Every structure is written in structure tokens, then in C-alpha cells.
Amino acid sequence: MTSPDPDRRRTILALAAGLIALTGCGDTDSETPEPAPPPDDETPTRTEPGPGPDEPSPAMETPHQGTGTPVPDDVVFSKPGGGEVAATRYGTGDCGVVLVPQRDRDRQSWDQYARRLDAAGFQALAIDEGEQDKAAGVLAAVRYLRAERAADPVVVIGASVGGEAAIEAAAQDSPTIDGVVVLSPAGGEVAAETLVVPVLVLVAADDQPYTAVAEQIAGGVPGGSDLVTYAGEAHGQELLASDHADAVRSRILTFLQSVCAPERS
């Protein structure tokens, strides 16, 4: 029997090997699975940053912490003899405090101090008393606090001409005013001689002529009054922003507590 040609045999073997290789590659491609999509819980998402540990969420914010209204409340009421008084009320405490500004300021100038009073448990009412008959504006504010806000007792704090108006109002209608605080009073010496309520007088030593007026008022109150003099020349409401601010606020707070809650003073 004739043996096969070696070259032909090698050719046949090479072709067979090629066919086997091609068949194997085809099977591999058909059997390789498509990559599966990631599970739903692995799908990347964008998370909005939340509030920090000391930061309240928007729904829980309380912009003004105090004993009363979340924000100051603007009100308008009539005053004796005609006209109106514009005012801003802070808090709902039982003890009312009327704040009367000096000539070059309005009720907004009391905002920071009024918020302090609210936080301390008082109901503050800062007023624009007007240029005419300032005492009437003070009395209207006192009556508003008593009639509309059920405040009792009521103390009036006035600066400069506001202090003069506070003294004159208390002299006209002492039963409705339980105490008076004046910062650098611009007048009221004569009216002070008829007062029957507690009076606190605060003034800077070099704030003339107001220092002399303060001394005369303090000495003229029949039942006596407290006169506190501070170094410097800060005038009126400036005392609450001076180097003596902490001492001034503390002294006023002590006075308010003695009038509004004498058992705790």
C-alpha cells in the first residue's frame, strides 16, 4: 500500500487544527454572558447636604427666641387729645415696659434692648412719641399695654427728652405707671416733685447740662430715688452701648425686678 505524501498529510493536519481552533473561538463568544446591570441599590445617587449637627432644619427654625412673639409686632393706637402713636411690641410677659427714645432716634433704636427685655420675660413696647405732647404718647402706650395686652405692672424707660416725657406722664397719671427709669433726662425737674412711684436716674458724669438735671430730679422726688452716675459723656441711649453698658443693663434689670416681681428681687 502506497504511503501518503508527507507534505499533503501536514497540510491536512494544519487545516484540521485551524477548523478546531475556529470552532472553539465561536463557542467561546456565544457562551460569554453579557455583563449584568448593577443592582438598583448600587445605582449612584446625588444626596443633598443636610444641616450640620448644630444647624436646625428649615422647618424647625425659630428666628427669634424669647417669651413672646416670634417677630416684633408693629401696632398703632390713639393718644389722648387726638393723634396716633406708632409702636413696636416685643414679647408677652406680664410686666410691661414702655421704651421712649431721645430726640434724634425713633422706636427702632430700641430694637436690640427690647429683644433683651423679651428674653428676660418682659413685654416691651417701643414707641415714636411724636414732637407734640410727648407725655400724652407715653400715657397712650401705658394704657395700650394695660387694656390690650393685660400688662401689669407697667414701667416707663425714657432717654433724654423721652425721659422728660416719662416723668411728666407719671406725674399726670401715677396710678397707671408703676415705675420710671430715665437716662440723661432733658427735663422734668418740676414734675418729679410730685411723683409717688419708684424712680431710677442714670447719667454720665460729663454729660452736661443733663448731669445737673438728673441730680435735681433725683433730689426732688418726694420718696427719694436712685441716682447712678457713670464716667464719661455718653448721652441717653448711648449709655446702653458705652463701656458701662453691662452695668447699665444690670442696674435697670434690678430695678424692673423690684417693681415687677419684688419677691424675687
C-alpha atoms as a PDB file:
ATOM      1  CA  MET A   1       0.000   0.000   0.000  1.00  0.00           C
ATOM      2  CA  THR A   2       1.396   3.387  -1.057  1.00  0.00           C
ATOM      3  CA  SER A   3       2.178   5.745   1.926  1.00  0.00           C
ATOM      4  CA  PRO A   4       0.523   9.204   1.844  1.00  0.00           C
ATOM      5  CA  ASP A   5       2.590  12.110   0.678  1.00  0.00           C
ATOM      6  CA  PRO A   6       4.132  13.680   3.850  1.00  0.00           C
ATOM      7  CA  ASP A   7       3.545  17.231   2.590  1.00  0.00           C
ATOM      8  CA  ARG A   8      -0.111  16.535   1.894  1.00  0.00           C
ATOM      9  CA  ARG A   9      -0.500  14.968   5.315  1.00  0.00           C
ATOM     10  CA  ARG A  10       0.948  18.038   7.019  1.00  0.00           C
ATOM     11  CA  THR A  11      -1.387  20.248   5.033  1.00  0.00           C
ATOM     12  CA  ILE A  12      -4.432  18.205   6.045  1.00  0.00           C
ATOM     13  CA  LEU A  13      -3.398  18.271   9.718  1.00  0.00           C
ATOM     14  CA  ALA A  14      -2.870  22.045   9.613  1.00  0.00           C
ATOM     15  CA  LEU A  15      -6.326  22.593   8.073  1.00  0.00           C
ATOM     16  CA  ALA A  16      -7.933  20.338  10.682  1.00  0.00           C
ATOM     17  CA  ALA A  17      -6.202  22.212  13.519  1.00  0.00           C
ATOM     18  CA  GLY A  18      -7.402  25.518  12.085  1.00  0.00           C
ATOM     19  CA  LEU A  19     -11.006  24.320  11.894  1.00  0.00           C
ATOM     20  CA  ILE A  20     -10.876  23.124  15.508  1.00  0.00           C
ATOM     21  CA  ALA A  21      -9.478  26.486  16.642  1.00  0.00           C
ATOM     22  CA  LEU A  22     -12.166  28.434  14.756  1.00  0.00           C
ATOM     23  CA  THR A  23     -14.891  26.228  16.234  1.00  0.00           C
ATOM     24  CA  GLY A  24     -13.549  26.786  19.777  1.00  0.00           C
ATOM     25  CA  CYS A  25     -13.469  30.588  19.349  1.00  0.00           C
ATOM     26  CA  GLY A  26     -17.003  30.633  18.054  1.00  0.00           C
ATOM     27  CA  ASP A  27     -18.269  28.616  21.007  1.00  0.00           C
ATOM     28  CA  THR A  28     -16.464  30.911  23.466  1.00  0.00           C
ATOM     29  CA  ASP A  29     -18.051  34.069  22.032  1.00  0.00           C
ATOM     30  CA  SER A  30     -21.501  32.581  22.103  1.00  0.00           C
ATOM     31  CA  GLU A  31     -21.180  31.383  25.678  1.00  0.00           C
ATOM     32  CA  THR A  32     -19.681  34.565  27.218  1.00  0.00           C
ATOM     33  CA  PRO A  33     -22.616  36.303  29.036  1.00  0.00           C
ATOM     34  CA  GLU A  34     -23.352  39.997  28.740  1.00  0.00           C
ATOM     35  CA  PRO A  35     -22.352  41.914  31.908  1.00  0.00           C
ATOM     36  CA  ALA A  36     -25.394  42.266  34.184  1.00  0.00           C
ATOM     37  CA  PRO A  37     -26.566  45.794  35.145  1.00  0.00           C
ATOM     38  CA  PRO A  38     -25.721  46.812  38.713  1.00  0.00           C
ATOM     39  CA  PRO A  39     -28.422  46.172  41.295  1.00  0.00           C
ATOM     40  CA  ASP A  40     -30.792  49.037  41.988  1.00  0.00           C
ATOM     41  CA  ASP A  41     -29.249  49.643  45.376  1.00  0.00           C
ATOM     42  CA  GLU A  42     -25.837  50.169  43.759  1.00  0.00           C
ATOM     43  CA  THR A  43     -27.020  52.827  41.333  1.00  0.00           C
ATOM     44  CA  PRO A  44     -25.159  56.055  42.267  1.00  0.00           C
ATOM     45  CA  THR A  45     -27.431  58.813  43.615  1.00  0.00           C
ATOM     46  CA  ARG A  46     -26.891  62.533  44.472  1.00  0.00           C
ATOM     47  CA  THR A  47     -27.527  63.392  48.087  1.00  0.00           C
ATOM     48  CA  GLU A  48     -28.303  66.975  49.030  1.00  0.00           C
ATOM     49  CA  PRO A  49     -26.251  68.128  52.012  1.00  0.00           C
ATOM     50  CA  GLY A  50     -28.303  68.214  55.223  1.00  0.00           C
ATOM     51  CA  PRO A  51     -27.998  70.557  58.154  1.00  0.00           C
ATOM     52  CA  GLY A  52     -24.970  70.269  60.383  1.00  0.00           C
ATOM     53  CA  PRO A  53     -25.196  68.990  63.947  1.00  0.00           C
ATOM     54  CA  ASP A  54     -25.879  72.482  65.350  1.00  0.00           C
ATOM     55  CA  GLU A  55     -27.960  73.758  62.464  1.00  0.00           C
ATOM     56  CA  PRO A  56     -31.777  73.428  62.640  1.00  0.00           C
ATOM     57  CA  SER A  57     -33.638  72.126  59.630  1.00  0.00           C
ATOM     58  CA  PRO A  58     -35.622  74.816  57.766  1.00  0.00           C
ATOM     59  CA  ALA A  59     -38.929  73.514  59.107  1.00  0.00           C
ATOM     60  CA  MET A  60     -37.721  73.831  62.697  1.00  0.00           C
ATOM     61  CA  GLU A  61     -36.150  77.275  62.551  1.00  0.00           C
ATOM     62  CA  THR A  62     -37.286  79.778  65.159  1.00  0.00           C
ATOM     63  CA  PRO A  63     -35.692  83.092  64.169  1.00  0.00           C
ATOM     64  CA  HIS A  64     -36.470  84.915  67.393  1.00  0.00           C
ATOM     65  CA  GLN A  65     -36.191  83.126  70.698  1.00  0.00           C
ATOM     66  CA  GLY A  66     -37.970  84.821  73.560  1.00  0.00           C
ATOM     67  CA  THR A  67     -41.013  84.644  75.739  1.00  0.00           C
ATOM     68  CA  GLY A  68     -43.454  86.064  73.228  1.00  0.00           C
ATOM     69  CA  THR A  69     -43.962  86.823  69.561  1.00  0.00           C
ATOM     70  CA  PRO A  70     -41.595  85.157  67.039  1.00  0.00           C
ATOM     71  CA  VAL A  71     -41.033  88.570  65.460  1.00  0.00           C
ATOM     72  CA  PRO A  72     -41.726  92.099  66.717  1.00  0.00           C
ATOM     73  CA  ASP A  73     -45.287  93.285  66.179  1.00  0.00           C
ATOM     74  CA  ASP A  74     -45.956  96.818  64.853  1.00  0.00           C
ATOM     75  CA  VAL A  75     -49.065  98.474  66.261  1.00  0.00           C
ATOM     76  CA  VAL A  76     -50.771 101.872  66.115  1.00  0.00           C
ATOM     77  CA  PHE A  77     -53.102 103.324  68.755  1.00  0.00           C
ATOM     78  CA  SER A  78     -54.728 106.656  69.578  1.00  0.00           C
ATOM     79  CA  LYS A  79     -53.443 109.046  72.191  1.00  0.00           C
ATOM     80  CA  PRO A  80     -55.401 111.443  74.427  1.00  0.00           C
ATOM     81  CA  GLY A  81     -56.256 114.722  72.726  1.00  0.00           C
ATOM     82  CA  GLY A  82     -56.047 113.236  69.223  1.00  0.00           C
ATOM     83  CA  GLY A  83     -53.362 111.789  67.042  1.00  0.00           C
ATOM     84  CA  GLU A  84     -51.812 108.357  66.861  1.00  0.00           C
ATOM     85  CA  VAL A  85     -48.775 106.604  68.283  1.00  0.00           C
ATOM     86  CA  ALA A  86     -46.779 104.108  66.229  1.00  0.00           C
ATOM     87  CA  ALA A  87     -45.114 101.398  68.290  1.00  0.00           C
ATOM     88  CA  THR A  88     -43.410  98.007  68.109  1.00  0.00           C
ATOM     89  CA  ARG A  89     -44.235  95.319  70.662  1.00  0.00           C
ATOM     90  CA  TYR A  90     -41.906  92.555  71.827  1.00  0.00           C
ATOM     91  CA  GLY A  91     -42.886  89.562  73.957  1.00  0.00           C
ATOM     92  CA  THR A  92     -45.928  88.721  76.050  1.00  0.00           C
ATOM     93  CA  GLY A  93     -44.655  88.931  79.622  1.00  0.00           C
ATOM     94  CA  ASP A  94     -46.939  90.116  82.413  1.00  0.00           C
ATOM     95  CA  CYS A  95     -44.780  93.133  83.230  1.00  0.00           C
ATOM     96  CA  GLY A  96     -44.880  95.822  80.547  1.00  0.00           C
ATOM     97  CA  VAL A  97     -42.037  98.209  79.726  1.00  0.00           C
ATOM     98  CA  VAL A  98     -42.599 101.306  77.579  1.00  0.00           C
ATOM     99  CA  LEU A  99     -39.444 102.491  75.775  1.00  0.00           C
ATOM    100  CA  VAL A 100     -39.332 106.185  74.831  1.00  0.00           C
ATOM    101  CA  PRO A 101     -36.462 107.318  72.554  1.00  0.00           C
ATOM    102  CA  GLN A 102     -34.449 110.528  72.615  1.00  0.00           C
ATOM    103  CA  ARG A 103     -34.970 113.316  70.109  1.00  0.00           C
ATOM    104  CA  ASP A 104     -32.645 112.086  67.355  1.00  0.00           C
ATOM    105  CA  ARG A 105     -33.901 108.486  67.370  1.00  0.00           C
ATOM    106  CA  ASP A 106     -37.067 106.501  66.735  1.00  0.00           C
ATOM    107  CA  ARG A 107     -38.564 103.333  68.181  1.00  0.00           C
ATOM    108  CA  GLN A 108     -36.306 101.111  66.058  1.00  0.00           C
ATOM    109  CA  SER A 109     -33.343 102.369  68.057  1.00  0.00           C
ATOM    110  CA  TRP A 110     -34.637 100.300  70.992  1.00  0.00           C
ATOM    111  CA  ASP A 111     -34.766  97.041  68.997  1.00  0.00           C
ATOM    112  CA  GLN A 112     -31.736  95.285  70.481  1.00  0.00           C
ATOM    113  CA  TYR A 113     -32.566  96.282  74.043  1.00  0.00           C
ATOM    114  CA  ALA A 114     -36.257  95.409  73.597  1.00  0.00           C
ATOM    115  CA  ARG A 115     -35.267  91.905  72.495  1.00  0.00           C
ATOM    116  CA  ARG A 116     -33.201  91.566  75.653  1.00  0.00           C
ATOM    117  CA  LEU A 117     -36.215  92.547  77.727  1.00  0.00           C
ATOM    118  CA  ASP A 118     -38.356  89.988  75.887  1.00  0.00           C
ATOM    119  CA  ALA A 119     -35.771  87.273  76.543  1.00  0.00           C
ATOM    120  CA  ALA A 120     -35.760  88.256  80.226  1.00  0.00           C
ATOM    121  CA  GLY A 121     -39.536  87.753  80.438  1.00  0.00           C
ATOM    122  CA  PHE A 122     -40.846  91.291  79.978  1.00  0.00           C
ATOM    123  CA  GLN A 123     -43.262  92.696  77.405  1.00  0.00           C
ATOM    124  CA  ALA A 124     -41.610  95.708  75.762  1.00  0.00           C
ATOM    125  CA  LEU A 125     -43.319  98.438  73.737  1.00  0.00           C
ATOM    126  CA  ALA A 126     -41.015 100.846  71.887  1.00  0.00           C
ATOM    127  CA  ILE A 127     -42.814 103.980  70.691  1.00  0.00           C
ATOM    128  CA  ASP A 128     -42.462 107.006  68.449  1.00  0.00           C
ATOM    129  CA  GLU A 129     -43.965 109.545  70.796  1.00  0.00           C
ATOM    130  CA  GLY A 130     -44.024 112.430  68.280  1.00  0.00           C
ATOM    131  CA  GLU A 131     -42.928 116.031  68.647  1.00  0.00           C
ATOM    132  CA  GLN A 132     -46.117 117.335  70.231  1.00  0.00           C
ATOM    133  CA  ASP A 133     -47.263 116.421  73.734  1.00  0.00           C
ATOM    134  CA  LYS A 134     -44.818 113.574  74.250  1.00  0.00           C
ATOM    135  CA  ALA A 135     -46.283 112.757  77.658  1.00  0.00           C
ATOM    136  CA  ALA A 136     -49.647 112.021  76.015  1.00  0.00           C
ATOM    137  CA  GLY A 137     -47.927 109.477  73.759  1.00  0.00           C
ATOM    138  CA  VAL A 138     -46.364 107.792  76.785  1.00  0.00           C
ATOM    139  CA  LEU A 139     -49.726 107.608  78.579  1.00  0.00           C
ATOM    140  CA  ALA A 140     -51.341 106.137  75.460  1.00  0.00           C
ATOM    141  CA  ALA A 141     -48.653 103.442  75.359  1.00  0.00           C
ATOM    142  CA  VAL A 142     -49.162 102.591  79.019  1.00  0.00           C
ATOM    143  CA  ARG A 143     -52.916 102.326  78.573  1.00  0.00           C
ATOM    144  CA  TYR A 144     -52.482 100.202  75.450  1.00  0.00           C
ATOM    145  CA  LEU A 145     -50.318  97.706  77.354  1.00  0.00           C
ATOM    146  CA  ARG A 146     -52.811  97.514  80.192  1.00  0.00           C
ATOM    147  CA  ALA A 147     -56.044  97.421  78.168  1.00  0.00           C
ATOM    148  CA  GLU A 148     -54.979  95.490  75.078  1.00  0.00           C
ATOM    149  CA  ARG A 149     -52.129  93.326  76.364  1.00  0.00           C
ATOM    150  CA  ALA A 150     -53.151  92.807  80.004  1.00  0.00           C
ATOM    151  CA  ALA A 151     -49.753  94.024  81.210  1.00  0.00           C
ATOM    152  CA  ASP A 152     -49.387  94.755  84.913  1.00  0.00           C
ATOM    153  CA  PRO A 153     -47.269  96.326  86.348  1.00  0.00           C
ATOM    154  CA  VAL A 154     -46.001  98.832  83.744  1.00  0.00           C
ATOM    155  CA  VAL A 155     -42.667 100.696  83.867  1.00  0.00           C
ATOM    156  CA  VAL A 156     -41.574 103.520  81.555  1.00  0.00           C
ATOM    157  CA  ILE A 157     -37.959 103.884  80.405  1.00  0.00           C
ATOM    158  CA  GLY A 158     -37.116 107.155  78.636  1.00  0.00           C
ATOM    159  CA  ALA A 159     -33.916 108.698  77.260  1.00  0.00           C
ATOM    160  CA  SER A 160     -33.198 112.449  77.198  1.00  0.00           C
ATOM    161  CA  VAL A 161     -36.442 114.154  76.066  1.00  0.00           C
ATOM    162  CA  GLY A 162     -38.043 110.704  76.283  1.00  0.00           C
ATOM    163  CA  GLY A 163     -37.034 110.647  79.944  1.00  0.00           C
ATOM    164  CA  GLU A 164     -38.636 114.039  80.463  1.00  0.00           C
ATOM    165  CA  ALA A 165     -41.834 112.754  78.848  1.00  0.00           C
ATOM    166  CA  ALA A 166     -41.773 109.668  81.093  1.00  0.00           C
ATOM    167  CA  ILE A 167     -41.564 111.792  84.243  1.00  0.00           C
ATOM    168  CA  GLU A 168     -44.311 114.151  83.115  1.00  0.00           C
ATOM    169  CA  ALA A 169     -46.588 111.236  82.187  1.00  0.00           C
ATOM    170  CA  ALA A 170     -46.058 109.614  85.585  1.00  0.00           C
ATOM    171  CA  ALA A 171     -46.841 112.917  87.287  1.00  0.00           C
ATOM    172  CA  GLN A 172     -50.108 113.231  85.336  1.00  0.00           C
ATOM    173  CA  ASP A 173     -51.320 109.687  85.898  1.00  0.00           C
ATOM    174  CA  SER A 174     -49.251 107.874  88.508  1.00  0.00           C
ATOM    175  CA  PRO A 175     -51.795 105.074  89.126  1.00  0.00           C
ATOM    176  CA  THR A 176     -51.186 103.627  85.653  1.00  0.00           C
ATOM    177  CA  ILE A 177     -47.358 103.836  85.857  1.00  0.00           C
ATOM    178  CA  ASP A 178     -45.573 101.727  88.452  1.00  0.00           C
ATOM    179  CA  GLY A 179     -42.005 102.910  87.954  1.00  0.00           C
ATOM    180  CA  VAL A 180     -39.831 105.231  85.867  1.00  0.00           C
ATOM    181  CA  VAL A 181     -36.280 104.896  84.543  1.00  0.00           C
ATOM    182  CA  VAL A 182     -34.623 107.927  82.920  1.00  0.00           C
ATOM    183  CA  LEU A 183     -31.321 108.045  81.065  1.00  0.00           C
ATOM    184  CA  SER A 184     -29.816 111.549  80.851  1.00  0.00           C
ATOM    185  CA  PRO A 185     -33.183 113.300  81.324  1.00  0.00           C
ATOM    186  CA  ALA A 186     -33.586 116.572  79.430  1.00  0.00           C
ATOM    187  CA  GLY A 187     -36.115 117.995  81.892  1.00  0.00           C
ATOM    188  CA  GLY A 188     -38.948 117.147  84.224  1.00  0.00           C
ATOM    189  CA  GLU A 189     -37.497 118.663  87.399  1.00  0.00           C
ATOM    190  CA  VAL A 190     -40.783 120.229  88.483  1.00  0.00           C
ATOM    191  CA  ALA A 191     -42.927 117.213  87.624  1.00  0.00           C
ATOM    192  CA  ALA A 192     -40.542 114.958  89.541  1.00  0.00           C
ATOM    193  CA  GLU A 193     -41.506 116.727  92.762  1.00  0.00           C
ATOM    194  CA  THR A 194     -44.982 115.160  92.560  1.00  0.00           C
ATOM    195  CA  LEU A 195     -44.002 111.576  91.754  1.00  0.00           C
ATOM    196  CA  VAL A 196     -45.136 108.797  94.064  1.00  0.00           C
ATOM    197  CA  VAL A 197     -43.551 105.867  92.167  1.00  0.00           C
ATOM    198  CA  PRO A 198     -40.022 104.414  92.252  1.00  0.00           C
ATOM    199  CA  VAL A 199     -37.561 106.304  90.040  1.00  0.00           C
ATOM    200  CA  LEU A 200     -34.135 105.303  88.713  1.00  0.00           C
ATOM    201  CA  VAL A 201     -31.932 108.032  87.216  1.00  0.00           C
ATOM    202  CA  LEU A 202     -28.880 107.145  85.106  1.00  0.00           C
ATOM    203  CA  VAL A 203     -26.456 109.721  83.680  1.00  0.00           C
ATOM    204  CA  ALA A 204     -22.834 110.215  82.611  1.00  0.00           C
ATOM    205  CA  ALA A 205     -20.708 112.495  84.786  1.00  0.00           C
ATOM    206  CA  ASP A 206     -19.558 114.714  81.903  1.00  0.00           C
ATOM    207  CA  ASP A 207     -22.876 114.894  80.043  1.00  0.00           C
ATOM    208  CA  GLN A 208     -23.720 118.462  80.996  1.00  0.00           C
ATOM    209  CA  PRO A 209     -26.233 120.042  81.338  1.00  0.00           C
ATOM    210  CA  TYR A 210     -28.030 116.704  81.661  1.00  0.00           C
ATOM    211  CA  THR A 211     -25.958 115.641  84.654  1.00  0.00           C
ATOM    212  CA  ALA A 212     -27.231 118.641  86.617  1.00  0.00           C
ATOM    213  CA  VAL A 213     -30.819 117.962  85.545  1.00  0.00           C
ATOM    214  CA  ALA A 214     -30.505 114.314  86.615  1.00  0.00           C
ATOM    215  CA  GLU A 215     -29.218 115.330  90.026  1.00  0.00           C
ATOM    216  CA  GLN A 216     -32.067 117.793  90.510  1.00  0.00           C
ATOM    217  CA  ILE A 217     -34.683 115.211  89.502  1.00  0.00           C
ATOM    218  CA  ALA A 218     -33.206 112.581  91.785  1.00  0.00           C
ATOM    219  CA  GLY A 219     -33.184 115.016  94.683  1.00  0.00           C
ATOM    220  CA  GLY A 220     -36.703 116.268  94.035  1.00  0.00           C
ATOM    221  CA  VAL A 221     -38.666 113.014  94.120  1.00  0.00           C
ATOM    222  CA  PRO A 222     -40.576 113.078  97.453  1.00  0.00           C
ATOM    223  CA  GLY A 223     -39.962 109.441  98.299  1.00  0.00           C
ATOM    224  CA  GLY A 224     -36.385 109.542  97.102  1.00  0.00           C
ATOM    225  CA  SER A 225     -34.858 107.927  94.023  1.00  0.00           C
ATOM    226  CA  ASP A 226     -31.752 106.078  92.906  1.00  0.00           C
ATOM    227  CA  LEU A 227     -29.157 108.155  91.059  1.00  0.00           C
ATOM    228  CA  VAL A 228     -26.326 106.298  89.311  1.00  0.00           C
ATOM    229  CA  THR A 229     -23.558 108.292  87.638  1.00  0.00           C
ATOM    230  CA  TYR A 230     -21.082 106.769  85.180  1.00  0.00           C
ATOM    231  CA  ALA A 231     -17.753 108.120  83.988  1.00  0.00           C
ATOM    232  CA  GLY A 232     -17.672 109.717  80.546  1.00  0.00           C
ATOM    233  CA  GLU A 233     -20.136 111.706  78.499  1.00  0.00           C
ATOM    234  CA  ALA A 234     -22.400 109.095  76.872  1.00  0.00           C
ATOM    235  CA  HIS A 235     -25.868 110.564  76.461  1.00  0.00           C
ATOM    236  CA  GLY A 236     -29.241 108.861  76.783  1.00  0.00           C
ATOM    237  CA  GLN A 237     -29.447 105.584  74.889  1.00  0.00           C
ATOM    238  CA  GLU A 238     -25.708 105.782  74.246  1.00  0.00           C
ATOM    239  CA  LEU A 239     -25.276 104.563  77.824  1.00  0.00           C
ATOM    240  CA  LEU A 240     -26.592 101.178  76.648  1.00  0.00           C
ATOM    241  CA  ALA A 241     -23.765 100.976  74.106  1.00  0.00           C
ATOM    242  CA  SER A 242     -20.995 102.542  76.179  1.00  0.00           C
ATOM    243  CA  ASP A 243     -18.202 100.932  78.173  1.00  0.00           C
ATOM    244  CA  HIS A 244     -20.699 100.817  81.032  1.00  0.00           C
ATOM    245  CA  ALA A 245     -23.397  99.011  79.005  1.00  0.00           C
ATOM    246  CA  ASP A 246     -23.346  95.814  81.070  1.00  0.00           C
ATOM    247  CA  ALA A 247     -23.555  97.741  84.321  1.00  0.00           C
ATOM    248  CA  VAL A 248     -26.357  99.948  82.978  1.00  0.00           C
ATOM    249  CA  ARG A 249     -28.426  96.975  81.788  1.00  0.00           C
ATOM    250  CA  SER A 250     -27.855  95.151  85.059  1.00  0.00           C
ATOM    251  CA  ARG A 251     -28.944  98.162  87.099  1.00  0.00           C
ATOM    252  CA  ILE A 252     -32.109  98.613  85.045  1.00  0.00           C
ATOM    253  CA  LEU A 253     -32.927  94.900  85.283  1.00  0.00           C
ATOM    254  CA  THR A 254     -32.608  95.034  89.064  1.00  0.00           C
ATOM    255  CA  PHE A 255     -34.988  97.990  89.142  1.00  0.00           C
ATOM    256  CA  LEU A 256     -37.514  96.259  86.864  1.00  0.00           C
ATOM    257  CA  GLN A 257     -37.451  93.144  89.002  1.00  0.00           C
ATOM    258  CA  SER A 258     -38.014  95.206  92.144  1.00  0.00           C
ATOM    259  CA  VAL A 259     -41.118  96.768  90.592  1.00  0.00           C
ATOM    260  CA  CYS A 260     -42.477  93.831  88.613  1.00  0.00           C
ATOM    261  CA  ALA A 261     -41.563  90.941  90.895  1.00  0.00           C
ATOM    262  CA  PRO A 262     -40.481  92.375  94.244  1.00  0.00           C
ATOM    263  CA  GLU A 263     -40.490  88.950  95.890  1.00  0.00           C
ATOM    264  CA  ARG A 264     -37.688  87.834  93.517  1.00  0.00           C
ATOM    265  CA  SER A 265     -35.558  90.983  93.662  1.00  0.00           C
END
